[in-house]
Amino acid sequence: TMCAGAIVLARIERVVFGADDPKAGACGSVYNIVEDGRLNHRPQMTTGVLAAECGDMLRAFFAEQRARGKK
């Protein structure tokens, strides 16, 4: 949610991303801060770009982080 808030406050015009965050995403997956009508800026969102590849990269990264933490 902090990233989505920063996007709105910085008035970023366009955001492009591949992988949604099903647990805490705030750009449409769980919350939708970037399209909240109470806020004075709404960026153009392009989501799901190379979604499978991005998801694979994130899963691999966090698997490695968990493995490092167990050492």
C-alpha atoms as a PDB file:
ATOM      1  CA  THR A   1       0.000   0.000   0.000  1.00  0.00           C
ATOM      2  CA  MET A   2       2.912   2.354   0.597  1.00  0.00           C
ATOM      3  CA  CYS A   3       4.060   2.033  -3.012  1.00  0.00           C
ATOM      4  CA  ALA A   4       0.560   2.725  -4.346  1.00  0.00           C
ATOM      5  CA  GLY A   5       0.262   5.765  -2.100  1.00  0.00           C
ATOM      6  CA  ALA A   6       3.638   7.050  -3.284  1.00  0.00           C
ATOM      7  CA  ILE A   7       2.577   6.557  -6.920  1.00  0.00           C
ATOM      8  CA  VAL A   8      -0.529   8.682  -6.337  1.00  0.00           C
ATOM      9  CA  LEU A   9       1.250  11.374  -4.308  1.00  0.00           C
ATOM     10  CA  ALA A  10       4.070  11.642  -6.867  1.00  0.00           C
ATOM     11  CA  ARG A  11       1.470  11.945  -9.634  1.00  0.00           C
ATOM     12  CA  ILE A  12       3.141   9.266 -11.714  1.00  0.00           C
ATOM     13  CA  GLU A  13       1.251   9.180 -15.006  1.00  0.00           C
ATOM     14  CA  ARG A  14       1.615   5.523 -15.967  1.00  0.00           C
ATOM     15  CA  VAL A  15       2.523   2.309 -14.131  1.00  0.00           C
ATOM     16  CA  VAL A  16       3.383  -0.946 -15.914  1.00  0.00           C
ATOM     17  CA  PHE A  17       3.890  -4.183 -13.991  1.00  0.00           C
ATOM     18  CA  GLY A  18       3.645  -7.902 -14.523  1.00  0.00           C
ATOM     19  CA  ALA A  19       2.915  -9.735 -11.279  1.00  0.00           C
ATOM     20  CA  ASP A  20       0.030  -8.923  -8.945  1.00  0.00           C
ATOM     21  CA  ASP A  21       0.458  -9.339  -5.189  1.00  0.00           C
ATOM     22  CA  PRO A  22      -2.467 -11.563  -4.146  1.00  0.00           C
ATOM     23  CA  LYS A  23      -1.789 -10.997  -0.430  1.00  0.00           C
ATOM     24  CA  ALA A  24      -1.274  -7.252  -0.134  1.00  0.00           C
ATOM     25  CA  GLY A  25      -1.399  -5.638  -3.581  1.00  0.00           C
ATOM     26  CA  ALA A  26      -2.814  -2.143  -3.661  1.00  0.00           C
ATOM     27  CA  CYS A  27      -2.945  -1.551  -7.418  1.00  0.00           C
ATOM     28  CA  GLY A  28      -5.978  -3.687  -8.123  1.00  0.00           C
ATOM     29  CA  SER A  29      -5.304  -7.140  -6.697  1.00  0.00           C
ATOM     30  CA  VAL A  30      -6.443  -6.718  -3.056  1.00  0.00           C
ATOM     31  CA  TYR A  31      -6.918  -2.971  -2.729  1.00  0.00           C
ATOM     32  CA  ASN A  32      -7.216  -0.413  -5.495  1.00  0.00           C
ATOM     33  CA  ILE A  33      -5.707   2.753  -4.088  1.00  0.00           C
ATOM     34  CA  VAL A  34      -4.655   4.041  -7.510  1.00  0.00           C
ATOM     35  CA  GLU A  35      -8.303   4.248  -8.645  1.00  0.00           C
ATOM     36  CA  ASP A  36      -9.790   5.587  -5.414  1.00  0.00           C
ATOM     37  CA  GLY A  37     -12.112   8.432  -6.410  1.00  0.00           C
ATOM     38  CA  ARG A  38     -11.403  10.268  -3.159  1.00  0.00           C
ATOM     39  CA  LEU A  39      -7.825  10.912  -4.288  1.00  0.00           C
ATOM     40  CA  ASN A  40      -6.946  13.668  -6.739  1.00  0.00           C
ATOM     41  CA  HIS A  41      -4.750  11.625  -9.098  1.00  0.00           C
ATOM     42  CA  ARG A  42      -5.277   8.314 -10.866  1.00  0.00           C
ATOM     43  CA  PRO A  43      -2.411   6.908 -12.937  1.00  0.00           C
ATOM     44  CA  GLN A  44      -2.940   4.840 -16.051  1.00  0.00           C
ATOM     45  CA  MET A  45      -2.319   1.204 -15.097  1.00  0.00           C
ATOM     46  CA  THR A  46      -1.022  -1.517 -17.427  1.00  0.00           C
ATOM     47  CA  THR A  47      -0.921  -4.826 -15.584  1.00  0.00           C
ATOM     48  CA  GLY A  48      -0.131  -8.436 -16.362  1.00  0.00           C
ATOM     49  CA  VAL A  49       2.788  -7.686 -18.706  1.00  0.00           C
ATOM     50  CA  LEU A  50       4.742 -10.969 -18.948  1.00  0.00           C
ATOM     51  CA  ALA A  51       2.801 -12.083 -15.864  1.00  0.00           C
ATOM     52  CA  ALA A  52       3.997 -15.705 -15.840  1.00  0.00           C
ATOM     53  CA  GLU A  53       7.643 -14.733 -16.247  1.00  0.00           C
ATOM     54  CA  CYS A  54       7.421 -12.023 -13.587  1.00  0.00           C
ATOM     55  CA  GLY A  55       5.681 -14.386 -11.180  1.00  0.00           C
ATOM     56  CA  ASP A  56       8.366 -17.024 -11.739  1.00  0.00           C
ATOM     57  CA  MET A  57      11.106 -14.476 -11.036  1.00  0.00           C
ATOM     58  CA  LEU A  58       9.455 -13.319  -7.820  1.00  0.00           C
ATOM     59  CA  ARG A  59       8.867 -16.876  -6.592  1.00  0.00           C
ATOM     60  CA  ALA A  60      12.506 -17.782  -7.303  1.00  0.00           C
ATOM     61  CA  PHE A  61      13.757 -14.653  -5.532  1.00  0.00           C
ATOM     62  CA  PHE A  62      11.720 -15.259  -2.381  1.00  0.00           C
ATOM     63  CA  ALA A  63      12.556 -18.979  -2.349  1.00  0.00           C
ATOM     64  CA  GLU A  64      16.229 -17.995  -2.357  1.00  0.00           C
ATOM     65  CA  GLN A  65      15.645 -15.469   0.431  1.00  0.00           C
ATOM     66  CA  ARG A  66      13.915 -18.114   2.555  1.00  0.00           C
ATOM     67  CA  ALA A  67      16.736 -20.598   1.907  1.00  0.00           C
ATOM     68  CA  ARG A  68      19.355 -18.025   2.960  1.00  0.00           C
ATOM     69  CA  GLY A  69      17.442 -17.291   6.147  1.00  0.00           C
ATOM     70  CA  LYS A  70      17.562 -20.937   7.203  1.00  0.00           C
ATOM     71  CA  LYS A  71      21.369 -21.137   7.112  1.00  0.00           C
END
